[in-house]
N, C-alpha and C. Protein backbone atom coordinates (compact mmCIF):
# COMPACT_ATOMS: atom_id res chain seq x y z
N MET A 1 193.97 38.03 82.13
CA MET A 1 194.49 39.16 82.87
C MET A 1 195.17 40.07 82.20
N ASN A 2 194.91 41.60 82.28
CA ASN A 2 195.36 42.85 81.72
C ASN A 2 196.92 43.05 82.27
N GLN A 3 197.69 42.74 81.54
CA GLN A 3 198.86 43.63 81.63
C GLN A 3 199.40 45.34 81.65
N THR A 4 200.00 45.69 82.67
CA THR A 4 200.11 47.09 82.64
C THR A 4 201.71 47.52 82.49
N THR A 5 201.98 47.96 81.19
CA THR A 5 203.36 48.23 80.90
C THR A 5 203.70 49.55 81.28
N VAL A 6 204.72 49.91 81.82
CA VAL A 6 205.29 51.39 82.25
C VAL A 6 207.01 51.58 81.15
N THR A 7 206.84 52.57 80.42
CA THR A 7 208.22 52.86 79.93
C THR A 7 208.55 54.34 80.33
N VAL A 8 209.93 54.18 80.51
CA VAL A 8 210.44 55.73 80.97
C VAL A 8 211.28 55.97 79.94
N GLU A 9 211.18 57.21 79.15
CA GLU A 9 211.60 57.74 78.15
C GLU A 9 212.33 59.45 78.61
N GLY A 10 213.51 59.50 78.87
CA GLY A 10 213.74 60.33 79.12
C GLY A 10 212.95 61.52 80.47
N ARG A 11 212.02 62.29 80.20
CA ARG A 11 211.67 62.83 81.37
C ARG A 11 209.83 62.36 80.95
N ASN A 12 209.76 61.62 80.03
CA ASN A 12 208.63 61.12 79.92
C ASN A 12 207.89 59.87 80.58
N LEU A 13 206.75 59.55 81.31
CA LEU A 13 206.42 58.27 81.49
C LEU A 13 205.40 57.90 80.93
N ILE A 14 205.38 56.88 80.33
CA ILE A 14 204.28 56.35 79.41
C ILE A 14 203.62 54.83 80.08
N ILE A 15 202.62 54.85 80.16
CA ILE A 15 201.93 54.01 80.88
C ILE A 15 200.85 53.26 79.78
N SER A 16 200.63 51.89 79.76
CA SER A 16 199.94 51.19 78.65
C SER A 16 199.25 50.34 79.45
N ARG A 17 198.03 50.22 78.83
CA ARG A 17 197.20 48.85 79.50
C ARG A 17 196.12 49.18 78.48
N THR A 18 195.37 47.54 78.11
CA THR A 18 194.52 47.61 77.69
C THR A 18 193.02 47.20 78.27
N PHE A 19 192.00 47.83 77.94
CA PHE A 19 190.89 47.88 78.83
C PHE A 19 189.58 47.07 78.29
N GLN A 20 188.89 46.26 78.69
CA GLN A 20 187.60 45.66 77.68
C GLN A 20 186.61 46.70 78.05
N ALA A 21 186.68 47.86 77.32
CA ALA A 21 185.70 48.48 77.14
C ALA A 21 185.85 49.71 76.11
N PRO A 22 184.81 50.34 75.66
CA PRO A 22 185.24 51.05 74.70
C PRO A 22 185.53 52.33 74.79
N ARG A 23 186.20 52.73 74.06
CA ARG A 23 187.74 53.85 74.09
C ARG A 23 186.84 55.32 74.70
N GLU A 24 185.86 55.44 74.20
CA GLU A 24 185.17 56.55 74.50
C GLU A 24 184.97 56.70 76.16
N LEU A 25 184.47 55.42 76.64
CA LEU A 25 184.37 55.10 77.80
C LEU A 25 185.44 55.47 78.75
N VAL A 26 186.76 54.91 78.66
CA VAL A 26 187.94 55.03 79.02
C VAL A 26 188.30 56.33 78.87
N PHE A 27 188.28 57.34 78.06
CA PHE A 27 188.94 58.48 77.68
C PHE A 27 187.82 59.43 78.82
N GLN A 28 186.59 58.97 78.86
CA GLN A 28 185.77 59.87 79.90
C GLN A 28 186.20 59.57 81.52
N ALA A 29 186.37 58.49 81.69
CA ALA A 29 186.99 57.73 82.96
C ALA A 29 188.17 58.54 83.46
N TRP A 30 189.21 59.05 82.35
CA TRP A 30 190.19 59.64 82.56
C TRP A 30 189.95 61.45 82.70
N THR A 31 189.27 61.80 82.13
CA THR A 31 189.15 63.22 81.99
C THR A 31 187.88 63.91 82.68
N ASP A 32 186.83 63.07 82.45
CA ASP A 32 185.35 63.88 83.23
C ASP A 32 185.61 63.84 84.62
N PRO A 33 185.56 65.04 85.22
CA PRO A 33 185.46 65.07 86.96
C PRO A 33 184.67 64.36 87.50
N HIS A 34 183.31 63.66 87.10
CA HIS A 34 182.30 63.02 87.50
C HIS A 34 182.84 61.64 87.59
N HIS A 35 183.60 61.08 86.49
CA HIS A 35 184.21 59.70 86.54
C HIS A 35 185.29 59.64 87.51
N LEU A 36 186.12 60.63 87.47
CA LEU A 36 187.55 60.33 88.12
C LEU A 36 187.20 59.82 89.50
N PRO A 37 186.59 60.48 90.13
CA PRO A 37 186.60 60.12 91.54
C PRO A 37 185.94 58.60 92.09
N GLN A 38 185.44 58.22 90.93
CA GLN A 38 185.02 56.40 91.11
C GLN A 38 185.77 55.46 90.86
N TRP A 39 187.37 56.09 90.58
CA TRP A 39 188.20 54.88 90.32
C TRP A 39 189.21 55.47 90.83
N TRP A 40 189.79 56.44 91.25
CA TRP A 40 191.10 56.91 91.30
C TRP A 40 191.19 56.73 92.84
N GLY A 41 192.39 56.17 93.24
CA GLY A 41 192.92 55.66 94.74
C GLY A 41 191.95 54.64 95.24
N PRO A 42 192.53 54.48 96.34
CA PRO A 42 191.97 53.27 97.01
C PRO A 42 190.25 53.29 97.49
N PRO A 43 189.85 52.34 97.82
CA PRO A 43 188.30 52.21 97.76
C PRO A 43 187.70 53.28 98.70
N MET A 44 188.40 53.47 99.96
CA MET A 44 187.88 54.40 100.93
C MET A 44 188.41 55.90 101.05
N ALA A 45 188.80 56.01 99.66
CA ALA A 45 189.64 57.24 99.37
C ALA A 45 188.77 58.54 99.41
N ILE A 46 188.67 59.87 99.86
CA ILE A 46 187.68 60.59 99.58
C ILE A 46 188.50 61.51 98.63
N ILE A 47 187.87 61.57 97.31
CA ILE A 47 188.35 62.03 96.14
C ILE A 47 187.50 63.50 95.95
N THR A 48 188.36 64.77 96.24
CA THR A 48 187.75 66.04 95.88
C THR A 48 187.82 66.47 94.62
N VAL A 49 186.73 66.94 93.65
CA VAL A 49 187.10 67.51 92.41
C VAL A 49 186.87 69.02 92.15
N LEU A 50 187.62 69.79 92.37
CA LEU A 50 187.42 71.32 92.00
C LEU A 50 187.09 71.55 90.58
N GLU A 51 186.23 72.33 89.98
CA GLU A 51 186.01 72.79 88.62
C GLU A 51 186.56 74.61 88.55
């Protein structure tokens, strides 16, 4: 089971989680507009990406 850790320091919100995936893929999932709609939000959500 993965554990998510959330820490609030002043005005910073730090979320830490360990993924069983290469770090390059995790980075792309957060930064590539083509990956983001695949996991952001609930399953039936419509995610619009504007570039």
